[in-house]
PDB file of all heavy atoms in Angstrom:
ATOM      1  N   TYR A   1       0.816  -1.211   0.000  1.00  0.00           N
ATOM      2  CA  TYR A   1       0.000   0.000   0.000  1.00  0.00           C
ATOM      3  C   TYR A   1       0.852   1.263   0.000  1.00  0.00           C
ATOM      4  O   TYR A   1       0.335   2.376  -0.074  1.00  0.00           O
ATOM      5  CB  TYR A   1      -0.973  -0.052   1.181  1.00  0.00           C
ATOM      6  CG  TYR A   1      -1.942  -1.190   0.992  1.00  0.00           C
ATOM      7  CD1 TYR A   1      -1.639  -2.467   1.453  1.00  0.00           C
ATOM      8  CD2 TYR A   1      -3.114  -1.012   0.273  1.00  0.00           C
ATOM      9  CE1 TYR A   1      -2.499  -3.537   1.228  1.00  0.00           C
ATOM     10  CE2 TYR A   1      -3.972  -2.068   0.040  1.00  0.00           C
ATOM     11  CZ  TYR A   1      -3.656  -3.325   0.507  1.00  0.00           C
ATOM     12  OH  TYR A   1      -4.511  -4.375   0.258  1.00  0.00           O
ATOM     13  N   LEU A   2       2.155   1.087   0.046  1.00  0.00           N
ATOM     14  CA  LEU A   2       3.082   2.183  -0.213  1.00  0.00           C
ATOM     15  C   LEU A   2       3.511   2.193  -1.675  1.00  0.00           C
ATOM     16  O   LEU A   2       4.004   3.201  -2.162  1.00  0.00           O
ATOM     17  CB  LEU A   2       4.330   2.024   0.665  1.00  0.00           C
ATOM     18  CG  LEU A   2       4.139   2.275   2.161  1.00  0.00           C
ATOM     19  CD1 LEU A   2       5.369   1.794   2.935  1.00  0.00           C
ATOM     20  CD2 LEU A   2       3.890   3.752   2.429  1.00  0.00           C
ATOM     21  N   ARG A   3       3.301   1.078  -2.338  1.00  0.00           N
ATOM     22  CA  ARG A   3       3.780   0.925  -3.720  1.00  0.00           C
ATOM     23  C   ARG A   3       2.619   0.859  -4.699  1.00  0.00           C
ATOM     24  O   ARG A   3       2.083   1.889  -5.114  1.00  0.00           O
ATOM     25  CB  ARG A   3       4.661  -0.325  -3.803  1.00  0.00           C
ATOM     26  CG  ARG A   3       5.935  -0.217  -2.961  1.00  0.00           C
ATOM     27  CD  ARG A   3       6.656  -1.548  -2.883  1.00  0.00           C
ATOM     28  NE  ARG A   3       7.913  -1.425  -2.147  1.00  0.00           N
ATOM     29  CZ  ARG A   3       8.616  -2.448  -1.681  1.00  0.00           C
ATOM     30  NH1 ARG A   3       8.200  -3.691  -1.888  1.00  0.00           N
ATOM     31  NH2 ARG A   3       9.747  -2.254  -1.022  1.00  0.00           N
ATOM     32  N   GLU A   4       2.160  -0.372  -5.018  1.00  0.00           N
ATOM     33  CA  GLU A   4       1.183  -0.488  -6.109  1.00  0.00           C
ATOM     34  C   GLU A   4      -0.245  -0.099  -5.709  1.00  0.00           C
ATOM     35  O   GLU A   4      -0.993   0.422  -6.543  1.00  0.00           O
ATOM     36  CB  GLU A   4       1.200  -1.907  -6.699  1.00  0.00           C
ATOM     37  CG  GLU A   4       0.910  -3.023  -5.710  1.00  0.00           C
ATOM     38  CD  GLU A   4       2.161  -3.657  -5.155  1.00  0.00           C
ATOM     39  OE1 GLU A   4       3.180  -2.942  -5.028  1.00  0.00           O
ATOM     40  OE2 GLU A   4       2.131  -4.858  -4.844  1.00  0.00           O
ATOM     41  N   HIS A   5      -0.669  -0.344  -4.474  1.00  0.00           N
ATOM     42  CA  HIS A   5      -2.045  -0.027  -4.072  1.00  0.00           C
ATOM     43  C   HIS A   5      -2.076   1.346  -3.392  1.00  0.00           C
ATOM     44  O   HIS A   5      -2.355   1.467  -2.207  1.00  0.00           O
ATOM     45  CB  HIS A   5      -2.584  -1.118  -3.149  1.00  0.00           C
ATOM     46  CG  HIS A   5      -2.550  -2.486  -3.738  1.00  0.00           C
ATOM     47  ND1 HIS A   5      -2.925  -2.748  -5.039  1.00  0.00           N
ATOM     48  CD2 HIS A   5      -2.169  -3.674  -3.206  1.00  0.00           C
ATOM     49  CE1 HIS A   5      -2.787  -4.039  -5.279  1.00  0.00           C
ATOM     50  NE2 HIS A   5      -2.318  -4.624  -4.190  1.00  0.00           N
ATOM     51  N   PHE A   6      -1.805   2.370  -4.164  1.00  0.00           N
ATOM     52  CA  PHE A   6      -1.618   3.713  -3.613  1.00  0.00           C
ATOM     53  C   PHE A   6      -2.870   4.575  -3.704  1.00  0.00           C
ATOM     54  O   PHE A   6      -2.839   5.763  -3.391  1.00  0.00           O
ATOM     55  CB  PHE A   6      -0.490   4.429  -4.372  1.00  0.00           C
ATOM     56  CG  PHE A   6      -0.709   4.451  -5.863  1.00  0.00           C
ATOM     57  CD1 PHE A   6      -1.518   5.412  -6.446  1.00  0.00           C
ATOM     58  CD2 PHE A   6      -0.132   3.492  -6.674  1.00  0.00           C
ATOM     59  CE1 PHE A   6      -1.733   5.432  -7.820  1.00  0.00           C
ATOM     60  CE2 PHE A   6      -0.339   3.505  -8.060  1.00  0.00           C
ATOM     61  CZ  PHE A   6      -1.146   4.468  -8.626  1.00  0.00           C
ATOM     62  N   GLY A   7      -3.987   3.992  -4.110  1.00  0.00           N
ATOM     63  CA  GLY A   7      -5.177   4.787  -4.391  1.00  0.00           C
ATOM     64  C   GLY A   7      -5.762   5.488  -3.183  1.00  0.00           C
ATOM     65  O   GLY A   7      -5.507   5.133  -2.031  1.00  0.00           O
ATOM     66  N   ASN A   8      -6.565   6.515  -3.465  1.00  0.00           N
ATOM     67  CA  ASN A   8      -7.323   7.234  -2.449  1.00  0.00           C
ATOM     68  C   ASN A   8      -8.612   6.449  -2.194  1.00  0.00           C
ATOM     69  O   ASN A   8      -9.362   6.179  -3.122  1.00  0.00           O
ATOM     70  CB  ASN A   8      -7.640   8.640  -2.952  1.00  0.00           C
ATOM     71  CG  ASN A   8      -8.308   9.510  -1.900  1.00  0.00           C
ATOM     72  OD1 ASN A   8      -9.117   9.059  -1.107  1.00  0.00           O
ATOM     73  ND2 ASN A   8      -7.974  10.796  -1.921  1.00  0.00           N
ATOM     74  N   PRO A   9      -8.887   6.071  -0.940  1.00  0.00           N
ATOM     75  CA  PRO A   9     -10.082   5.265  -0.680  1.00  0.00           C
ATOM     76  C   PRO A   9     -11.391   5.919  -1.105  1.00  0.00           C
ATOM     77  O   PRO A   9     -12.406   5.221  -1.242  1.00  0.00           O
ATOM     78  CB  PRO A   9     -10.047   5.081   0.852  1.00  0.00           C
ATOM     79  CG  PRO A   9      -8.632   5.290   1.245  1.00  0.00           C
ATOM     80  CD  PRO A   9      -8.099   6.309   0.281  1.00  0.00           C
ATOM     81  N   SER A  10     -11.376   7.216  -1.310  1.00  0.00           N
ATOM     82  CA  SER A  10     -12.600   7.901  -1.741  1.00  0.00           C
ATOM     83  C   SER A  10     -12.762   7.915  -3.259  1.00  0.00           C
ATOM     84  O   SER A  10     -13.800   8.356  -3.757  1.00  0.00           O
ATOM     85  CB  SER A  10     -12.594   9.342  -1.210  1.00  0.00           C
ATOM     86  OG  SER A  10     -12.604   9.367   0.198  1.00  0.00           O
ATOM     87  N   SER A  11     -11.757   7.445  -3.974  1.00  0.00           N
ATOM     88  CA  SER A  11     -11.817   7.447  -5.442  1.00  0.00           C
ATOM     89  C   SER A  11     -12.654   6.274  -5.948  1.00  0.00           C
ATOM     90  O   SER A  11     -12.514   5.151  -5.458  1.00  0.00           O
ATOM     91  CB  SER A  11     -10.411   7.362  -6.032  1.00  0.00           C
ATOM     92  OG  SER A  11      -9.647   8.505  -5.681  1.00  0.00           O
ATOM     93  N   ASP A  12     -13.487   6.562  -6.946  1.00  0.00           N
ATOM     94  CA  ASP A  12     -14.410   5.550  -7.463  1.00  0.00           C
ATOM     95  C   ASP A  12     -13.826   4.851  -8.686  1.00  0.00           C
ATOM     96  O   ASP A  12     -14.377   4.903  -9.786  1.00  0.00           O
ATOM     97  CB  ASP A  12     -15.759   6.195  -7.802  1.00  0.00           C
ATOM     98  CG  ASP A  12     -16.827   5.156  -8.111  1.00  0.00           C
ATOM     99  OD1 ASP A  12     -16.652   3.998  -7.685  1.00  0.00           O
ATOM    100  OD2 ASP A  12     -17.818   5.509  -8.782  1.00  0.00           O
ATOM    101  N   HIS A  13     -12.653   4.232  -8.499  1.00  0.00           N
ATOM    102  CA  HIS A  13     -12.073   3.393  -9.552  1.00  0.00           C
ATOM    103  C   HIS A  13     -11.318   2.274  -8.858  1.00  0.00           C
ATOM    104  O   HIS A  13     -11.299   2.198  -7.611  1.00  0.00           O
ATOM    105  CB  HIS A  13     -11.166   4.194 -10.495  1.00  0.00           C
ATOM    106  CG  HIS A  13     -10.179   5.081  -9.818  1.00  0.00           C
ATOM    107  ND1 HIS A  13      -9.230   4.635  -8.932  1.00  0.00           N
ATOM    108  CD2 HIS A  13     -10.003   6.433  -9.886  1.00  0.00           C
ATOM    109  CE1 HIS A  13      -8.496   5.638  -8.501  1.00  0.00           C
ATOM    110  NE2 HIS A  13      -8.959   6.757  -9.057  1.00  0.00           N
ATOM    111  N   VAL A  14     -10.692   1.410  -9.628  1.00  0.00           N
ATOM    112  CA  VAL A  14     -10.116   0.198  -9.044  1.00  0.00           C
ATOM    113  C   VAL A  14      -9.048   0.505  -8.003  1.00  0.00           C
ATOM    114  O   VAL A  14      -8.953  -0.162  -6.967  1.00  0.00           O
ATOM    115  CB  VAL A  14      -9.558  -0.723 -10.152  1.00  0.00           C
ATOM    116  CG1 VAL A  14      -8.374  -0.067 -10.888  1.00  0.00           C
ATOM    117  CG2 VAL A  14      -9.145  -2.073  -9.574  1.00  0.00           C
ATOM    118  N   TYR A  15      -8.251   1.550  -8.213  1.00  0.00           N
ATOM    119  CA  TYR A  15      -7.221   1.892  -7.226  1.00  0.00           C
ATOM    120  C   TYR A  15      -7.863   2.339  -5.911  1.00  0.00           C
ATOM    121  O   TYR A  15      -7.420   1.957  -4.822  1.00  0.00           O
ATOM    122  CB  TYR A  15      -6.311   2.997  -7.775  1.00  0.00           C
ATOM    123  CG  TYR A  15      -5.473   2.567  -8.955  1.00  0.00           C
ATOM    124  CD1 TYR A  15      -5.903   2.793 -10.256  1.00  0.00           C
ATOM    125  CD2 TYR A  15      -4.244   1.940  -8.758  1.00  0.00           C
ATOM    126  CE1 TYR A  15      -5.140   2.405 -11.342  1.00  0.00           C
ATOM    127  CE2 TYR A  15      -3.468   1.544  -9.846  1.00  0.00           C
ATOM    128  CZ  TYR A  15      -3.923   1.769 -11.128  1.00  0.00           C
ATOM    129  OH  TYR A  15      -3.166   1.384 -12.211  1.00  0.00           O
ATOM    130  N   GLY A  16      -8.882   3.161  -6.035  1.00  0.00           N
ATOM    131  CA  GLY A  16      -9.571   3.628  -4.840  1.00  0.00           C
ATOM    132  C   GLY A  16     -10.309   2.509  -4.124  1.00  0.00           C
ATOM    133  O   GLY A  16     -10.305   2.434  -2.895  1.00  0.00           O
ATOM    134  N   ARG A  17     -10.951   1.628  -4.906  1.00  0.00           N
ATOM    135  CA  ARG A  17     -11.699   0.532  -4.287  1.00  0.00           C
ATOM    136  C   ARG A  17     -10.780  -0.420  -3.544  1.00  0.00           C
ATOM    137  O   ARG A  17     -11.122  -0.916  -2.470  1.00  0.00           O
ATOM    138  CB  ARG A  17     -12.520  -0.197  -5.343  1.00  0.00           C
ATOM    139  CG  ARG A  17     -13.717   0.618  -5.852  1.00  0.00           C
ATOM    140  CD  ARG A  17     -14.704  -0.248  -6.597  1.00  0.00           C
ATOM    141  NE  ARG A  17     -14.135  -0.804  -7.824  1.00  0.00           N
ATOM    142  CZ  ARG A  17     -14.133  -0.194  -9.002  1.00  0.00           C
ATOM    143  NH1 ARG A  17     -14.670   1.019  -9.114  1.00  0.00           N
ATOM    144  NH2 ARG A  17     -13.631  -0.780 -10.072  1.00  0.00           N
ATOM    145  N   ARG A  18      -9.603  -0.684  -4.111  1.00  0.00           N
ATOM    146  CA  ARG A  18      -8.656  -1.558  -3.412  1.00  0.00           C
ATOM    147  C   ARG A  18      -8.224  -0.945  -2.079  1.00  0.00           C
ATOM    148  O   ARG A  18      -8.123  -1.632  -1.068  1.00  0.00           O
ATOM    149  CB  ARG A  18      -7.434  -1.800  -4.291  1.00  0.00           C
ATOM    150  CG  ARG A  18      -7.663  -2.804  -5.409  1.00  0.00           C
ATOM    151  CD  ARG A  18      -6.455  -2.894  -6.289  1.00  0.00           C
ATOM    152  NE  ARG A  18      -6.661  -3.826  -7.394  1.00  0.00           N
ATOM    153  CZ  ARG A  18      -5.912  -3.874  -8.492  1.00  0.00           C
ATOM    154  NH1 ARG A  18      -4.911  -2.995  -8.624  1.00  0.00           N
ATOM    155  NH2 ARG A  18      -6.153  -4.758  -9.439  1.00  0.00           N
ATOM    156  N   ALA A  19      -7.971   0.345  -2.104  1.00  0.00           N
ATOM    157  CA  ALA A  19      -7.581   1.023  -0.863  1.00  0.00           C
ATOM    158  C   ALA A  19      -8.722   1.001   0.150  1.00  0.00           C
ATOM    159  O   ALA A  19      -8.512   0.749   1.341  1.00  0.00           O
ATOM    160  CB  ALA A  19      -7.161   2.459  -1.162  1.00  0.00           C
ATOM    161  N   ALA A  20      -9.939   1.257  -0.325  1.00  0.00           N
ATOM    162  CA  ALA A  20     -11.095   1.264   0.570  1.00  0.00           C
ATOM    163  C   ALA A  20     -11.329  -0.115   1.169  1.00  0.00           C
ATOM    164  O   ALA A  20     -11.671  -0.249   2.355  1.00  0.00           O
ATOM    165  CB  ALA A  20     -12.335   1.728  -0.186  1.00  0.00           C
ATOM    166  N   GLN A  21     -11.146  -1.151   0.364  1.00  0.00           N
ATOM    167  CA  GLN A  21     -11.311  -2.512   0.874  1.00  0.00           C
ATOM    168  C   GLN A  21     -10.265  -2.831   1.937  1.00  0.00           C
ATOM    169  O   GLN A  21     -10.558  -3.494   2.941  1.00  0.00           O
ATOM    170  CB  GLN A  21     -11.224  -3.508  -0.281  1.00  0.00           C
ATOM    171  CG  GLN A  21     -12.425  -3.469  -1.213  1.00  0.00           C
ATOM    172  CD  GLN A  21     -12.180  -4.168  -2.537  1.00  0.00           C
ATOM    173  OE1 GLN A  21     -11.086  -4.716  -2.775  1.00  0.00           O
ATOM    174  NE2 GLN A  21     -13.177  -4.170  -3.403  1.00  0.00           N
ATOM    175  N   ALA A  22      -9.053  -2.345   1.732  1.00  0.00           N
ATOM    176  CA  ALA A  22      -7.991  -2.593   2.711  1.00  0.00           C
ATOM    177  C   ALA A  22      -8.291  -1.885   4.024  1.00  0.00           C
ATOM    178  O   ALA A  22      -8.064  -2.432   5.116  1.00  0.00           O
ATOM    179  CB  ALA A  22      -6.648  -2.125   2.149  1.00  0.00           C
ATOM    180  N   VAL A  23      -8.797  -0.651   3.951  1.00  0.00           N
ATOM    181  CA  VAL A  23      -9.168   0.086   5.159  1.00  0.00           C
ATOM    182  C   VAL A  23     -10.300  -0.635   5.884  1.00  0.00           C
ATOM    183  O   VAL A  23     -10.279  -0.767   7.117  1.00  0.00           O
ATOM    184  CB  VAL A  23      -9.563   1.534   4.811  1.00  0.00           C
ATOM    185  CG1 VAL A  23     -10.189   2.234   6.012  1.00  0.00           C
ATOM    186  CG2 VAL A  23      -8.344   2.314   4.320  1.00  0.00           C
ATOM    187  N   ALA A  24     -11.272  -1.127   5.133  1.00  0.00           N
ATOM    188  CA  ALA A  24     -12.401  -1.834   5.745  1.00  0.00           C
ATOM    189  C   ALA A  24     -11.932  -3.107   6.441  1.00  0.00           C
ATOM    190  O   ALA A  24     -12.402  -3.438   7.541  1.00  0.00           O
ATOM    191  CB  ALA A  24     -13.451  -2.151   4.688  1.00  0.00           C
ATOM    192  N   ALA A  25     -11.014  -3.837   5.802  1.00  0.00           N
ATOM    193  CA  ALA A  25     -10.504  -5.068   6.419  1.00  0.00           C
ATOM    194  C   ALA A  25      -9.730  -4.768   7.697  1.00  0.00           C
ATOM    195  O   ALA A  25      -9.838  -5.485   8.698  1.00  0.00           O
ATOM    196  CB  ALA A  25      -9.621  -5.815   5.419  1.00  0.00           C
ATOM    197  N   ALA A  26      -8.951  -3.704   7.671  1.00  0.00           N
ATOM    198  CA  ALA A  26      -8.206  -3.308   8.872  1.00  0.00           C
ATOM    199  C   ALA A  26      -9.163  -2.886   9.981  1.00  0.00           C
ATOM    200  O   ALA A  26      -8.957  -3.196  11.157  1.00  0.00           O
ATOM    201  CB  ALA A  26      -7.247  -2.168   8.540  1.00  0.00           C
ATOM    202  N   ARG A  27     -10.220  -2.189   9.615  1.00  0.00           N
ATOM    203  CA  ARG A  27     -11.201  -1.748  10.606  1.00  0.00           C
ATOM    204  C   ARG A  27     -11.840  -2.953  11.294  1.00  0.00           C
ATOM    205  O   ARG A  27     -12.024  -2.970  12.513  1.00  0.00           O
ATOM    206  CB  ARG A  27     -12.271  -0.878   9.935  1.00  0.00           C
ATOM    207  CG  ARG A  27     -13.063  -0.024  10.932  1.00  0.00           C
ATOM    208  CD  ARG A  27     -14.183   0.760  10.242  1.00  0.00           C
ATOM    209  NE  ARG A  27     -13.728   1.521   9.102  1.00  0.00           N
ATOM    210  CZ  ARG A  27     -13.170   2.732   9.184  1.00  0.00           C
ATOM    211  NH1 ARG A  27     -12.995   3.289  10.378  1.00  0.00           N
ATOM    212  NH2 ARG A  27     -12.788   3.374   8.102  1.00  0.00           N
ATOM    213  N   GLU A  28     -12.157  -3.968  10.515  1.00  0.00           N
ATOM    214  CA  GLU A  28     -12.719  -5.200  11.086  1.00  0.00           C
ATOM    215  C   GLU A  28     -11.749  -5.840  12.058  1.00  0.00           C
ATOM    216  O   GLU A  28     -12.130  -6.292  13.145  1.00  0.00           O
ATOM    217  CB  GLU A  28     -13.060  -6.181   9.958  1.00  0.00           C
ATOM    218  CG  GLU A  28     -14.249  -5.790   9.099  1.00  0.00           C
ATOM    219  CD  GLU A  28     -15.577  -6.177   9.733  1.00  0.00           C
ATOM    220  OE1 GLU A  28     -15.575  -6.803  10.803  1.00  0.00           O
ATOM    221  OE2 GLU A  28     -16.628  -5.838   9.141  1.00  0.00           O
ATOM    222  N   ALA A  29     -10.469  -5.880  11.691  1.00  0.00           N
ATOM    223  CA  ALA A  29      -9.471  -6.542  12.528  1.00  0.00           C
ATOM    224  C   ALA A  29      -9.252  -5.798  13.836  1.00  0.00           C
ATOM    225  O   ALA A  29      -9.188  -6.403  14.914  1.00  0.00           O
ATOM    226  CB  ALA A  29      -8.154  -6.673  11.767  1.00  0.00           C
ATOM    227  N   VAL A  30      -9.117  -4.483  13.755  1.00  0.00           N
ATOM    228  CA  VAL A  30      -8.866  -3.692  14.958  1.00  0.00           C
ATOM    229  C   VAL A  30     -10.097  -3.715  15.863  1.00  0.00           C
ATOM    230  O   VAL A  30      -9.982  -3.883  17.091  1.00  0.00           O
ATOM    231  CB  VAL A  30      -8.468  -2.255  14.603  1.00  0.00           C
ATOM    232  CG1 VAL A  30      -8.258  -1.429  15.870  1.00  0.00           C
ATOM    233  CG2 VAL A  30      -7.196  -2.247  13.761  1.00  0.00           C
ATOM    234  N   ALA A  31     -11.272  -3.548  15.270  1.00  0.00           N
ATOM    235  CA  ALA A  31     -12.499  -3.592  16.062  1.00  0.00           C
ATOM    236  C   ALA A  31     -12.656  -4.959  16.723  1.00  0.00           C
ATOM    237  O   ALA A  31     -13.057  -5.063  17.892  1.00  0.00           O
ATOM    238  CB  ALA A  31     -13.702  -3.277  15.179  1.00  0.00           C
ATOM    239  N   GLY A  32     -12.315  -6.011  15.998  1.00  0.00           N
ATOM    240  CA  GLY A  32     -12.426  -7.355  16.554  1.00  0.00           C
ATOM    241  C   GLY A  32     -11.534  -7.563  17.754  1.00  0.00           C
ATOM    242  O   GLY A  32     -11.876  -8.303  18.685  1.00  0.00           O
ATOM    243  N   LEU A  33     -10.366  -6.924  17.754  1.00  0.00           N
ATOM    244  CA  LEU A  33      -9.431  -7.068  18.868  1.00  0.00           C
ATOM    245  C   LEU A  33     -10.007  -6.532  20.170  1.00  0.00           C
ATOM    246  O   LEU A  33      -9.648  -7.011  21.251  1.00  0.00           O
ATOM    247  CB  LEU A  33      -8.115  -6.353  18.533  1.00  0.00           C
ATOM    248  CG  LEU A  33      -6.973  -6.483  19.537  1.00  0.00           C
ATOM    249  CD1 LEU A  33      -6.548  -7.945  19.700  1.00  0.00           C
ATOM    250  CD2 LEU A  33      -5.785  -5.618  19.118  1.00  0.00           C
ATOM    251  N   ILE A  34     -10.918  -5.552  20.084  1.00  0.00           N
ATOM    252  CA  ILE A  34     -11.501  -4.966  21.294  1.00  0.00           C
ATOM    253  C   ILE A  34     -12.992  -5.304  21.434  1.00  0.00           C
ATOM    254  O   ILE A  34     -13.688  -4.717  22.257  1.00  0.00           O
ATOM    255  CB  ILE A  34     -11.299  -3.435  21.336  1.00  0.00           C
ATOM    256  CG1 ILE A  34     -11.934  -2.751  20.127  1.00  0.00           C
ATOM    257  CG2 ILE A  34      -9.815  -3.097  21.411  1.00  0.00           C
ATOM    258  CD1 ILE A  34     -11.929  -1.222  20.208  1.00  0.00           C
ATOM    259  N   GLY A  35     -13.467  -6.260  20.624  1.00  0.00           N
ATOM    260  CA  GLY A  35     -14.845  -6.701  20.745  1.00  0.00           C
ATOM    261  C   GLY A  35     -15.872  -5.675  20.341  1.00  0.00           C
ATOM    262  O   GLY A  35     -16.975  -5.636  20.897  1.00  0.00           O
ATOM    263  N   ALA A  36     -15.545  -4.859  19.351  1.00  0.00           N
ATOM    264  CA  ALA A  36     -16.422  -3.765  18.940  1.00  0.00           C
ATOM    265  C   ALA A  36     -16.906  -3.974  17.505  1.00  0.00           C
ATOM    266  O   ALA A  36     -16.232  -4.630  16.705  1.00  0.00           O
ATOM    267  CB  ALA A  36     -15.678  -2.430  19.035  1.00  0.00           C
ATOM    268  N   PRO A  37     -18.051  -3.419  17.139  1.00  0.00           N
ATOM    269  CA  PRO A  37     -18.467  -3.437  15.732  1.00  0.00           C
ATOM    270  C   PRO A  37     -17.562  -2.537  14.904  1.00  0.00           C
ATOM    271  O   PRO A  37     -17.091  -1.495  15.390  1.00  0.00           O
ATOM    272  CB  PRO A  37     -19.898  -2.913  15.769  1.00  0.00           C
ATOM    273  CG  PRO A  37     -19.999  -2.135  17.040  1.00  0.00           C
ATOM    274  CD  PRO A  37     -19.053  -2.779  18.006  1.00  0.00           C
ATOM    275  N   ALA A  38     -17.298  -2.937  13.674  1.00  0.00           N
ATOM    276  CA  ALA A  38     -16.351  -2.196  12.840  1.00  0.00           C
ATOM    277  C   ALA A  38     -16.760  -0.745  12.651  1.00  0.00           C
ATOM    278  O   ALA A  38     -15.914   0.157  12.632  1.00  0.00           O
ATOM    279  CB  ALA A  38     -16.211  -2.884  11.482  1.00  0.00           C
TER     280      ALA A  38
END
């Protein structure tokens, strides 16, 4: 995500969607660590 997946999560194209998906996955993981909804 420093190299090829550099998109802005707010952008509505494949680069942005990949970034947004990565943020969403991280949110799930961090929230899960503390027993919270994402």
